[in-house]
N, C-alpha and C. Protein backbone atom coordinates (compact mmCIF):
# COMPACT_ATOMS: atom_id res chain seq x y z
N MET A 1 -4.33 15.28 -9.21
CA MET A 1 -3.89 15.69 -10.62
C MET A 1 -3.86 14.69 -11.63
N TYR A 2 -2.80 13.88 -11.24
CA TYR A 2 -2.65 12.74 -12.33
C TYR A 2 -2.91 11.53 -11.45
N TYR A 3 -3.67 10.43 -12.16
CA TYR A 3 -3.91 9.36 -11.62
C TYR A 3 -2.96 8.46 -11.70
N TYR A 4 -2.43 8.20 -12.99
CA TYR A 4 -1.49 7.28 -13.22
C TYR A 4 -0.79 7.83 -14.62
N ILE A 5 0.64 7.18 -14.77
CA ILE A 5 1.25 7.57 -16.08
C ILE A 5 1.66 6.09 -16.57
N SER A 6 1.55 6.10 -17.92
CA SER A 6 1.91 5.08 -18.58
C SER A 6 2.74 5.30 -19.56
N GLY A 7 3.55 4.34 -20.01
CA GLY A 7 4.50 4.65 -21.08
C GLY A 7 5.85 3.59 -21.00
N LYS A 8 6.93 4.13 -21.79
CA LYS A 8 8.15 3.16 -21.77
C LYS A 8 9.07 3.52 -20.44
N LEU A 9 9.30 2.61 -20.02
CA LEU A 9 10.34 2.57 -18.74
C LEU A 9 11.77 3.15 -19.41
N ALA A 10 12.15 4.43 -19.51
CA ALA A 10 13.19 4.91 -19.84
C ALA A 10 14.51 4.66 -18.95
N LYS A 11 14.29 4.60 -17.76
CA LYS A 11 15.45 4.61 -16.92
C LYS A 11 14.96 4.37 -15.46
N THR A 12 15.87 3.70 -14.64
CA THR A 12 15.49 3.49 -13.16
C THR A 12 16.85 3.62 -12.41
N GLY A 13 16.57 4.12 -11.14
CA GLY A 13 17.92 4.26 -10.45
C GLY A 13 17.52 3.68 -8.92
N SER A 14 18.41 3.79 -7.88
CA SER A 14 17.95 3.35 -6.61
C SER A 14 16.66 3.76 -6.01
N ASN A 15 16.13 4.87 -6.27
CA ASN A 15 14.67 5.34 -5.69
C ASN A 15 13.95 6.00 -6.85
N PHE A 16 14.04 5.98 -8.28
CA PHE A 16 13.48 6.42 -9.01
C PHE A 16 13.21 5.84 -10.41
N ALA A 17 12.11 6.17 -10.96
CA ALA A 17 12.05 5.53 -12.29
C ALA A 17 11.56 6.73 -13.14
N VAL A 18 12.09 6.73 -14.48
CA VAL A 18 11.64 7.75 -15.51
C VAL A 18 10.70 6.88 -16.82
N VAL A 19 9.60 7.54 -16.73
CA VAL A 19 8.42 6.71 -17.76
C VAL A 19 8.45 7.90 -18.93
N ASP A 20 8.67 7.25 -20.13
CA ASP A 20 8.78 8.13 -21.26
C ASP A 20 7.18 7.98 -21.79
N ASN A 21 6.30 9.11 -21.80
CA ASN A 21 5.01 9.28 -22.31
C ASN A 21 5.10 10.22 -23.35
N GLN A 22 4.89 9.64 -24.51
CA GLN A 22 4.94 10.67 -25.81
C GLN A 22 5.83 11.61 -25.89
N GLY A 23 7.22 11.09 -25.75
CA GLY A 23 8.43 12.07 -25.91
C GLY A 23 8.69 12.89 -24.65
N ILE A 24 7.86 12.76 -23.42
CA ILE A 24 8.25 13.40 -22.32
C ILE A 24 8.50 12.32 -21.03
N GLY A 25 9.75 12.64 -20.54
CA GLY A 25 10.29 11.71 -19.69
C GLY A 25 9.76 12.45 -18.05
N TYR A 26 8.93 11.48 -17.45
CA TYR A 26 8.41 11.76 -16.12
C TYR A 26 9.29 11.09 -15.04
N LEU A 27 10.10 11.89 -14.25
CA LEU A 27 10.83 11.43 -13.26
C LEU A 27 9.69 11.06 -12.26
N LEU A 28 9.74 9.75 -11.65
CA LEU A 28 8.95 9.53 -10.53
C LEU A 28 9.90 8.80 -9.35
N SER A 29 9.64 9.32 -8.20
CA SER A 29 10.39 8.94 -6.88
C SER A 29 9.29 7.40 -6.69
N VAL A 30 10.04 6.32 -6.36
CA VAL A 30 9.45 4.99 -6.16
C VAL A 30 9.95 4.17 -4.89
N SER A 31 9.31 3.23 -4.45
CA SER A 31 9.84 2.63 -3.64
C SER A 31 10.79 1.48 -4.02
N VAL A 32 11.32 0.42 -3.14
CA VAL A 32 12.08 -0.53 -3.67
C VAL A 32 11.08 -1.43 -4.10
N ASN A 33 9.83 -1.65 -3.58
CA ASN A 33 8.85 -2.63 -3.96
C ASN A 33 8.64 -2.51 -5.48
N THR A 34 8.45 -1.12 -5.75
CA THR A 34 7.85 -0.78 -7.06
C THR A 34 8.94 -1.07 -8.16
N LEU A 35 10.11 -0.76 -7.73
CA LEU A 35 11.36 -0.99 -8.66
C LEU A 35 11.70 -2.40 -8.98
N ARG A 36 11.07 -3.43 -8.18
CA ARG A 36 11.20 -4.64 -8.25
C ARG A 36 10.16 -5.23 -9.23
N HIS A 37 9.10 -4.83 -9.10
CA HIS A 37 7.97 -5.10 -9.85
C HIS A 37 8.11 -4.54 -11.49
N ILE A 38 8.55 -3.32 -11.71
CA ILE A 38 8.99 -2.72 -13.16
C ILE A 38 10.23 -2.94 -13.92
N GLU A 39 11.10 -3.35 -12.89
CA GLU A 39 12.33 -3.67 -13.67
C GLU A 39 12.38 -4.79 -14.69
N GLY A 40 12.97 -4.30 -15.77
CA GLY A 40 13.19 -5.58 -16.83
C GLY A 40 11.82 -5.48 -17.78
N THR A 41 10.70 -4.37 -17.67
CA THR A 41 9.67 -4.49 -18.22
C THR A 41 9.99 -3.14 -19.22
N ALA A 42 9.05 -3.37 -20.38
CA ALA A 42 9.46 -2.09 -21.43
C ALA A 42 8.49 -1.27 -21.03
N ASP A 43 7.10 -1.67 -21.13
CA ASP A 43 5.96 -0.61 -20.75
C ASP A 43 5.42 -0.87 -19.46
N VAL A 44 5.22 0.25 -18.78
CA VAL A 44 4.77 0.17 -17.38
C VAL A 44 3.66 1.31 -17.02
N LYS A 45 2.77 0.94 -16.16
CA LYS A 45 1.72 1.89 -15.83
C LYS A 45 2.00 2.42 -14.23
N LEU A 46 2.18 3.52 -13.77
CA LEU A 46 2.68 3.71 -12.40
C LEU A 46 1.43 4.61 -11.88
N PHE A 47 1.06 4.05 -10.71
CA PHE A 47 -0.30 5.19 -10.20
C PHE A 47 0.62 6.19 -9.67
N THR A 48 0.08 7.58 -9.36
CA THR A 48 1.03 8.70 -9.01
C THR A 48 0.25 9.36 -7.75
N TYR A 49 1.19 10.09 -7.02
CA TYR A 49 0.82 11.08 -6.18
C TYR A 49 1.65 12.25 -6.34
N LEU A 50 1.11 13.65 -6.43
CA LEU A 50 2.05 14.61 -6.86
C LEU A 50 2.11 15.30 -5.37
N SER A 51 3.21 15.69 -5.24
CA SER A 51 3.57 16.27 -3.63
C SER A 51 3.99 17.82 -4.20
N VAL A 52 3.33 18.79 -3.46
CA VAL A 52 3.59 20.04 -3.88
C VAL A 52 4.02 20.90 -2.41
N ARG A 53 5.24 21.20 -2.50
CA ARG A 53 5.59 22.13 -1.38
C ARG A 53 6.01 23.71 -1.80
N GLU A 54 6.09 24.50 -1.05
CA GLU A 54 6.59 25.95 -1.15
C GLU A 54 7.77 25.78 -2.46
N ASP A 55 8.72 25.04 -2.13
CA ASP A 55 10.06 24.94 -2.82
C ASP A 55 10.24 23.87 -3.92
N ALA A 56 9.08 23.03 -4.11
CA ALA A 56 9.46 21.63 -4.87
C ALA A 56 7.90 21.20 -5.14
N LYS A 57 8.04 20.50 -6.33
CA LYS A 57 7.16 19.41 -6.58
C LYS A 57 7.51 18.51 -6.74
N GLU A 58 7.07 17.29 -6.52
CA GLU A 58 7.72 15.77 -6.77
C GLU A 58 6.39 15.10 -6.93
N LEU A 59 6.67 14.04 -8.06
CA LEU A 59 5.76 13.01 -8.60
C LEU A 59 6.29 11.82 -7.92
N PHE A 60 5.56 11.00 -7.25
CA PHE A 60 5.87 9.56 -6.76
C PHE A 60 4.85 8.79 -7.35
N GLY A 61 5.59 7.57 -7.48
CA GLY A 61 4.88 6.39 -8.66
C GLY A 61 4.80 5.14 -7.80
N PHE A 62 3.87 4.54 -8.12
CA PHE A 62 3.44 3.28 -7.41
C PHE A 62 2.84 2.07 -8.43
N TYR A 63 3.56 0.84 -8.13
CA TYR A 63 3.15 -0.18 -9.05
C TYR A 63 1.75 -0.63 -9.07
N CYS A 64 1.05 -0.25 -7.86
CA CYS A 64 -0.55 -0.76 -7.70
C CYS A 64 -0.99 0.05 -6.86
N GLU A 65 -2.23 -0.01 -6.88
CA GLU A 65 -3.36 0.92 -5.96
C GLU A 65 -3.16 0.97 -4.85
N GLU A 66 -2.85 -0.29 -4.38
CA GLU A 66 -2.91 -0.39 -3.05
C GLU A 66 -1.77 -0.06 -2.23
N GLU A 67 -0.55 -0.03 -2.82
CA GLU A 67 0.50 0.85 -2.58
C GLU A 67 0.52 2.36 -2.42
N LEU A 68 -0.26 3.02 -3.51
CA LEU A 68 -0.69 4.05 -3.51
C LEU A 68 -1.50 4.54 -2.16
N PHE A 69 -2.54 3.85 -2.11
CA PHE A 69 -3.30 4.29 -0.94
C PHE A 69 -2.81 4.00 0.49
N ALA A 70 -1.92 3.03 0.77
CA ALA A 70 -0.94 2.94 1.75
C ALA A 70 -0.11 4.18 2.01
N PHE A 71 0.44 4.81 0.79
CA PHE A 71 1.35 5.94 0.94
C PHE A 71 0.46 7.13 1.41
N LYS A 72 -0.75 7.25 1.02
CA LYS A 72 -1.71 8.33 1.34
C LYS A 72 -1.93 8.27 3.11
N GLN A 73 -2.24 6.93 3.34
CA GLN A 73 -2.39 6.63 4.84
C GLN A 73 -1.35 7.09 5.59
N LEU A 74 -0.35 6.74 5.21
CA LEU A 74 1.30 7.10 5.97
C LEU A 74 1.28 8.44 6.01
N ILE A 75 1.31 9.21 4.85
CA ILE A 75 1.51 10.72 5.15
C ILE A 75 0.35 11.38 5.91
N SER A 76 -0.63 10.85 6.19
CA SER A 76 -1.70 11.17 7.02
C SER A 76 -1.10 11.47 8.57
N VAL A 77 -0.21 10.72 8.84
CA VAL A 77 0.09 10.47 9.88
C VAL A 77 1.33 11.85 10.58
N SER A 78 1.02 12.33 11.62
CA SER A 78 2.04 13.31 12.04
C SER A 78 3.27 13.26 11.78
N GLY A 79 3.89 13.98 11.23
CA GLY A 79 5.45 13.75 11.43
C GLY A 79 6.02 12.67 10.12
N ILE A 80 5.11 12.28 9.34
CA ILE A 80 5.48 11.36 8.24
C ILE A 80 5.36 12.10 7.04
N GLY A 81 6.50 12.27 6.32
CA GLY A 81 6.44 12.93 5.10
C GLY A 81 6.57 12.01 3.91
N PRO A 82 6.55 12.31 2.88
CA PRO A 82 6.41 11.44 1.59
C PRO A 82 7.80 10.56 1.44
N LYS A 83 8.70 11.29 1.92
CA LYS A 83 9.97 10.74 1.86
C LYS A 83 10.19 9.16 2.85
N ALA A 84 9.56 9.44 3.95
CA ALA A 84 9.57 8.40 5.10
C ALA A 84 8.64 7.34 4.75
N ALA A 85 7.24 7.79 4.08
CA ALA A 85 6.39 7.02 3.76
C ALA A 85 6.79 6.09 2.62
N LEU A 86 7.61 6.68 1.57
CA LEU A 86 8.30 5.80 0.56
C LEU A 86 9.31 4.74 1.14
N ALA A 87 10.16 5.18 2.24
CA ALA A 87 10.79 4.34 2.78
C ALA A 87 10.31 3.15 3.59
N ILE A 88 9.31 3.59 4.37
CA ILE A 88 8.39 2.25 4.75
C ILE A 88 8.03 1.22 3.65
N LEU A 89 7.50 1.86 2.68
CA LEU A 89 6.96 0.99 1.62
C LEU A 89 8.11 0.35 0.90
N SER A 90 9.12 0.74 0.98
CA SER A 90 10.31 0.01 0.56
C SER A 90 10.64 -1.30 1.18
N VAL A 91 10.34 -1.53 2.56
CA VAL A 91 10.76 -2.50 3.26
C VAL A 91 9.63 -3.42 3.31
N LEU A 92 8.06 -2.94 3.31
CA LEU A 92 7.07 -3.65 3.67
C LEU A 92 5.83 -3.44 2.69
N THR A 93 5.61 -4.31 2.19
CA THR A 93 4.33 -4.54 1.21
C THR A 93 3.06 -3.92 1.89
N PRO A 94 1.97 -3.33 1.22
CA PRO A 94 0.87 -2.75 1.83
C PRO A 94 0.09 -3.95 2.98
N ALA A 95 0.19 -5.08 2.55
CA ALA A 95 -0.14 -6.20 3.24
C ALA A 95 0.58 -6.48 4.65
N GLU A 96 1.87 -6.43 4.37
CA GLU A 96 2.98 -6.58 5.36
C GLU A 96 2.74 -5.24 6.66
N LEU A 97 2.61 -4.12 5.80
CA LEU A 97 2.47 -2.82 6.96
C LEU A 97 1.07 -3.12 7.53
N ALA A 98 0.10 -3.41 6.96
CA ALA A 98 -1.42 -3.53 7.82
C ALA A 98 -1.12 -4.75 9.03
N SER A 99 -0.23 -5.49 8.52
CA SER A 99 0.02 -6.75 9.90
C SER A 99 0.88 -5.98 10.77
N ALA A 100 1.97 -5.41 10.40
CA ALA A 100 2.62 -4.61 11.39
C ALA A 100 1.90 -3.92 12.24
N ILE A 101 1.11 -2.81 11.85
CA ILE A 101 0.38 -1.77 12.54
C ILE A 101 -0.54 -2.90 13.37
N GLY A 102 -1.25 -3.60 13.11
CA GLY A 102 -2.15 -4.58 13.73
C GLY A 102 -1.43 -5.24 14.95
N ALA A 103 -0.29 -5.72 14.75
CA ALA A 103 0.34 -6.44 15.49
C ALA A 103 1.14 -5.54 16.44
N GLY A 104 1.26 -4.31 16.30
CA GLY A 104 1.95 -3.23 16.90
C GLY A 104 3.70 -3.61 16.78
N ASP A 105 4.05 -4.10 15.58
CA ASP A 105 5.36 -4.51 15.63
C ASP A 105 6.16 -3.20 14.89
N ILE A 106 6.79 -2.56 16.01
CA ILE A 106 7.64 -1.36 15.85
C ILE A 106 8.82 -1.49 15.10
N LYS A 107 9.36 -3.03 15.31
CA LYS A 107 10.48 -3.19 14.60
C LYS A 107 10.47 -3.39 13.09
N ALA A 108 9.44 -3.79 12.58
CA ALA A 108 9.07 -4.13 11.09
C ALA A 108 9.22 -2.80 10.73
N ILE A 109 8.52 -1.75 10.98
CA ILE A 109 8.65 -0.29 10.71
C ILE A 109 9.78 0.42 10.49
N CYS A 110 10.55 0.35 11.92
CA CYS A 110 11.70 0.93 11.99
C CYS A 110 12.85 0.46 10.94
N ALA A 111 12.58 -0.86 10.37
CA ALA A 111 13.50 -1.43 9.30
C ALA A 111 13.63 -0.52 8.42
N ALA A 112 12.71 0.63 8.21
CA ALA A 112 12.81 1.64 6.83
C ALA A 112 13.83 2.51 7.30
N GLN A 113 14.69 2.89 6.48
CA GLN A 113 15.85 3.90 6.34
C GLN A 113 15.06 5.29 6.81
N GLY A 114 15.92 5.65 7.79
CA GLY A 114 15.55 6.86 8.66
C GLY A 114 14.04 7.06 9.35
N VAL A 115 13.72 5.58 9.51
CA VAL A 115 12.38 5.64 10.38
C VAL A 115 12.92 5.23 11.80
N GLY A 116 12.62 6.14 12.82
CA GLY A 116 13.14 5.78 14.13
C GLY A 116 12.15 4.99 14.88
N LYS A 117 12.35 4.81 16.12
CA LYS A 117 11.28 4.18 17.00
C LYS A 117 10.05 4.98 17.32
N ARG A 118 10.44 6.33 17.58
CA ARG A 118 9.43 7.16 17.79
C ARG A 118 8.30 7.57 16.74
N THR A 119 8.86 7.61 15.56
CA THR A 119 7.97 7.65 14.36
C THR A 119 7.37 6.55 13.94
N ALA A 120 7.93 5.30 14.25
CA ALA A 120 7.26 4.03 13.95
C ALA A 120 6.10 3.83 15.04
N GLU A 121 6.40 4.28 16.18
CA GLU A 121 5.30 4.27 16.98
C GLU A 121 4.06 5.20 16.93
N ARG A 122 4.19 6.30 16.39
CA ARG A 122 3.38 7.20 15.98
C ARG A 122 2.34 6.50 14.66
N VAL A 123 3.38 6.01 13.75
CA VAL A 123 2.50 5.02 12.75
C VAL A 123 1.48 4.29 13.32
N VAL A 124 1.76 3.37 14.35
CA VAL A 124 1.03 2.42 14.81
C VAL A 124 -0.26 3.05 15.83
N LEU A 125 0.28 3.93 16.52
CA LEU A 125 -0.77 4.59 17.20
C LEU A 125 -1.95 5.37 16.29
N GLU A 126 -1.44 6.11 15.32
CA GLU A 126 -2.55 6.98 14.54
C GLU A 126 -3.17 6.07 13.57
N LEU A 127 -2.75 5.02 12.97
CA LEU A 127 -3.19 3.89 12.18
C LEU A 127 -3.80 2.77 12.94
N LYS A 128 -3.54 2.39 14.21
CA LYS A 128 -3.94 1.06 14.65
C LYS A 128 -5.65 1.22 14.75
N ASP A 129 -6.21 2.19 15.13
CA ASP A 129 -7.74 2.44 15.48
C ASP A 129 -8.37 2.00 14.09
N LYS A 130 -7.74 2.20 12.94
CA LYS A 130 -8.44 2.03 11.79
C LYS A 130 -8.50 0.39 11.51
N LEU A 131 -7.71 -0.39 12.37
CA LEU A 131 -7.53 -1.82 12.48
C LEU A 131 -8.30 -2.40 13.62
N ALA A 132 -8.90 -1.48 14.33
CA ALA A 132 -9.49 -1.95 15.62
C ALA A 132 -10.79 -2.39 15.17
N ALA A 133 -11.21 -3.79 15.71
CA ALA A 133 -12.33 -4.41 15.20
C ALA A 133 -12.99 -4.99 16.56
N GLY A 134 -14.05 -4.85 16.33
CA GLY A 134 -14.90 -5.41 17.72
C GLY A 134 -14.91 -6.92 17.44
N THR A 135 -15.10 -7.61 18.41
CA THR A 135 -15.30 -9.25 18.44
C THR A 135 -16.21 -9.46 17.70
N ALA A 136 -17.13 -8.73 17.45
CA ALA A 136 -18.33 -9.12 16.34
C ALA A 136 -17.50 -9.15 15.06
N ALA A 137 -16.94 -7.78 14.90
CA ALA A 137 -16.48 -7.82 13.49
C ALA A 137 -15.46 -8.81 13.01
N ASP A 138 -14.64 -9.02 14.00
CA ASP A 138 -13.79 -10.35 14.03
C ASP A 138 -14.25 -11.60 13.93
N ALA A 139 -15.35 -11.93 14.48
CA ALA A 139 -15.84 -13.23 14.51
C ALA A 139 -16.64 -13.45 12.95
N SER A 140 -17.18 -12.14 12.47
CA SER A 140 -17.75 -12.32 11.25
C SER A 140 -16.77 -12.41 10.19
N VAL A 141 -15.40 -12.21 10.21
CA VAL A 141 -14.38 -12.59 9.26
C VAL A 141 -14.58 -14.10 8.69
N SER A 142 -15.04 -15.09 9.75
CA SER A 142 -15.10 -16.35 9.50
C SER A 142 -16.09 -16.72 8.37
N SER A 143 -17.10 -15.86 8.26
CA SER A 143 -18.04 -15.90 7.09
C SER A 143 -17.40 -15.95 5.60
N VAL A 144 -16.19 -14.90 5.59
CA VAL A 144 -15.44 -14.73 4.68
C VAL A 144 -14.72 -16.05 4.06
N SER A 145 -14.66 -17.02 4.88
CA SER A 145 -13.78 -18.18 4.65
C SER A 145 -14.98 -19.20 3.81
N ALA A 146 -15.91 -18.92 4.09
CA ALA A 146 -16.97 -19.85 3.16
C ALA A 146 -16.76 -19.37 1.69
N ALA A 147 -16.33 -18.50 1.33
CA ALA A 147 -15.92 -18.29 -0.11
C ALA A 147 -14.60 -18.92 -0.32
N GLY A 148 -13.97 -19.71 0.62
CA GLY A 148 -12.73 -20.20 0.27
C GLY A 148 -11.41 -19.83 0.75
N VAL A 149 -11.69 -18.73 1.43
CA VAL A 149 -10.56 -17.84 1.92
C VAL A 149 -10.00 -18.55 3.33
N PRO A 150 -8.81 -18.83 3.73
CA PRO A 150 -8.60 -19.36 5.05
C PRO A 150 -8.69 -18.22 6.00
N SER A 151 -9.49 -18.36 7.33
CA SER A 151 -9.66 -17.26 7.96
C SER A 151 -8.65 -16.29 8.24
N SER A 152 -7.31 -16.73 8.61
CA SER A 152 -6.18 -15.84 8.95
C SER A 152 -5.75 -14.93 7.67
N ASN A 153 -6.07 -15.58 6.34
CA ASN A 153 -5.81 -14.66 5.23
C ASN A 153 -6.89 -13.52 5.21
N ALA A 154 -8.15 -14.21 5.16
CA ALA A 154 -9.16 -13.05 5.06
C ALA A 154 -9.16 -12.01 6.11
N ALA A 155 -8.75 -12.57 7.36
CA ALA A 155 -8.56 -11.59 8.43
C ALA A 155 -7.35 -10.25 8.07
N GLU A 156 -6.15 -10.83 7.60
CA GLU A 156 -5.26 -9.96 6.94
C GLU A 156 -5.57 -9.06 5.67
N ALA A 157 -6.42 -9.63 5.02
CA ALA A 157 -6.45 -9.00 3.88
C ALA A 157 -7.52 -7.82 4.13
N VAL A 158 -8.59 -8.20 5.05
CA VAL A 158 -9.50 -7.09 5.23
C VAL A 158 -8.80 -6.28 6.17
N ASN A 159 -7.88 -6.48 7.21
CA ASN A 159 -7.11 -5.32 7.86
C ASN A 159 -6.39 -4.48 6.92
N ALA A 160 -5.55 -4.88 6.14
CA ALA A 160 -4.95 -4.25 5.08
C ALA A 160 -5.77 -3.38 4.27
N LEU A 161 -6.81 -3.62 3.80
CA LEU A 161 -7.80 -3.09 3.12
C LEU A 161 -8.41 -1.73 4.17
N VAL A 162 -8.54 -1.88 5.45
CA VAL A 162 -8.96 -0.89 6.18
C VAL A 162 -7.76 0.25 6.21
N VAL A 163 -6.80 -0.50 6.60
CA VAL A 163 -5.32 0.66 6.59
C VAL A 163 -5.58 1.38 5.38
N LEU A 164 -5.87 0.61 3.97
CA LEU A 164 -6.01 1.96 2.99
C LEU A 164 -7.22 2.55 2.87
N GLY A 165 -7.82 2.60 4.02
CA GLY A 165 -8.98 3.72 3.89
C GLY A 165 -10.40 3.11 3.66
N TYR A 166 -10.59 2.12 3.60
CA TYR A 166 -11.97 1.66 3.36
C TYR A 166 -12.43 1.08 4.80
N THR A 167 -14.08 1.26 4.80
CA THR A 167 -14.58 0.45 6.16
C THR A 167 -14.27 -0.72 6.20
N ARG A 168 -14.37 -1.36 7.49
CA ARG A 168 -14.39 -2.80 7.87
C ARG A 168 -15.30 -3.29 6.84
N GLN A 169 -16.56 -2.83 6.90
CA GLN A 169 -17.62 -3.39 6.30
C GLN A 169 -17.45 -3.67 4.57
N GLU A 170 -16.99 -2.38 4.27
CA GLU A 170 -16.62 -2.73 2.69
C GLU A 170 -15.69 -3.53 2.56
N ALA A 171 -14.69 -3.64 3.34
CA ALA A 171 -13.49 -4.38 2.95
C ALA A 171 -13.92 -6.18 3.23
N MET A 172 -14.63 -6.17 3.84
CA MET A 172 -15.21 -7.63 4.25
C MET A 172 -15.94 -7.94 3.17
N GLN A 173 -16.83 -7.23 2.98
CA GLN A 173 -17.83 -7.32 1.44
C GLN A 173 -16.93 -7.77 0.09
N ALA A 174 -16.11 -7.08 0.01
CA ALA A 174 -14.96 -7.25 -1.07
C ALA A 174 -14.34 -8.52 -1.07
N VAL A 175 -13.67 -8.63 0.11
CA VAL A 175 -12.92 -10.21 0.30
C VAL A 175 -13.88 -11.08 0.15
N SER A 176 -15.08 -11.12 0.61
CA SER A 176 -16.01 -12.35 0.63
C SER A 176 -16.24 -12.60 -1.10
N GLY A 177 -16.43 -11.63 -1.61
CA GLY A 177 -16.77 -11.78 -2.92
C GLY A 177 -15.62 -12.35 -4.10
N VAL A 178 -14.23 -12.56 -3.32
CA VAL A 178 -13.16 -13.03 -4.13
C VAL A 178 -13.06 -14.77 -4.42
N ASP A 179 -13.13 -15.08 -5.29
CA ASP A 179 -12.66 -16.54 -5.59
C ASP A 179 -11.10 -16.51 -5.29
N SER A 180 -10.82 -17.10 -4.12
CA SER A 180 -9.27 -17.03 -3.56
C SER A 180 -8.60 -18.26 -3.53
N ALA A 181 -9.22 -19.41 -4.30
CA ALA A 181 -8.61 -20.84 -4.01
C ALA A 181 -7.12 -20.43 -4.72
N GLY A 182 -5.92 -20.80 -3.57
CA GLY A 182 -4.62 -20.77 -4.26
C GLY A 182 -4.05 -19.30 -4.30
N MET A 183 -4.74 -18.62 -3.81
CA MET A 183 -4.43 -17.10 -3.83
C MET A 183 -3.49 -16.61 -2.41
N ASP A 184 -2.65 -15.61 -2.64
CA ASP A 184 -1.74 -15.52 -1.33
C ASP A 184 -2.65 -13.95 -1.03
N ILE A 185 -2.07 -13.53 0.37
CA ILE A 185 -3.08 -12.37 0.93
C ILE A 185 -2.88 -11.02 -0.31
N ASP A 186 -1.51 -10.87 -0.74
CA ASP A 186 -1.53 -9.72 -1.77
C ASP A 186 -2.49 -9.89 -2.76
N ASP A 187 -2.84 -10.98 -3.34
CA ASP A 187 -3.46 -11.24 -4.82
C ASP A 187 -4.91 -11.25 -4.23
N ILE A 188 -5.31 -11.53 -3.04
CA ILE A 188 -6.59 -11.22 -2.50
C ILE A 188 -7.12 -9.99 -2.49
N ILE A 189 -6.04 -9.25 -1.68
CA ILE A 189 -6.32 -7.59 -1.61
C ILE A 189 -6.57 -6.99 -2.92
N LYS A 190 -5.64 -7.39 -3.89
CA LYS A 190 -5.61 -6.76 -5.40
C LYS A 190 -6.97 -7.24 -6.04
N ALA A 191 -7.35 -8.40 -5.81
CA ALA A 191 -8.89 -8.79 -6.28
C ALA A 191 -9.78 -8.02 -5.55
N ALA A 192 -9.80 -7.93 -4.32
CA ALA A 192 -10.85 -7.27 -3.67
C ALA A 192 -11.04 -5.70 -3.80
N LEU A 193 -9.72 -4.92 -4.23
CA LEU A 193 -9.70 -3.56 -4.71
C LEU A 193 -10.29 -3.25 -5.92
N LYS A 194 -10.07 -4.48 -6.99
CA LYS A 194 -10.83 -4.20 -8.27
C LYS A 194 -12.34 -4.28 -7.95
N LYS A 195 -12.80 -5.16 -7.21
CA LYS A 195 -14.32 -5.04 -6.97
C LYS A 195 -14.86 -3.65 -6.50
N MET A 196 -13.83 -3.09 -5.62
CA MET A 196 -14.19 -1.77 -5.12
C MET A 196 -14.02 -0.49 -5.73
N LEU A 197 -13.11 -0.68 -6.94
CA LEU A 197 -12.79 0.62 -7.76
C LEU A 197 -13.62 0.74 -8.96
């Protein structure tokens, strides 16, 4: 329904932000990572997800599209609701989440408030197949480094994009087209997303 909301940052709390858009204050639940990115700025743009339940409607806000896409992937996991997904994204960036899932790092996901071992195991189990790449696909990542991306950074960026819902081929094409000299993994992902959106 809403893709993003932009306006003045009117107020923030430990897990929310209020964005004033033409005199209407929109209350958005946000991750700690989003708060870090927007605090101290006057004008903000938050990508949104509207959660509708029988008893409530809640708007969630994200500082970037990859965080929004990671949120959508997390809530597709059985037993993971919007609050748990937000808690996970408060302790892990989308790229870190992709790395944790790929490595089966349950402890990293359990660092999120209210997320236990079984829930973290479900996240890894249900999303890891999206990271599964055949030997040929992994080998072909090395071709990405021809564009100047170190092979390990390229592989992590590709895996993060796959977790966000893109096919491995789409992710590899986008990452290979990024002029990534001096860029970290998060910046590579952002640049690749811009090419795909």
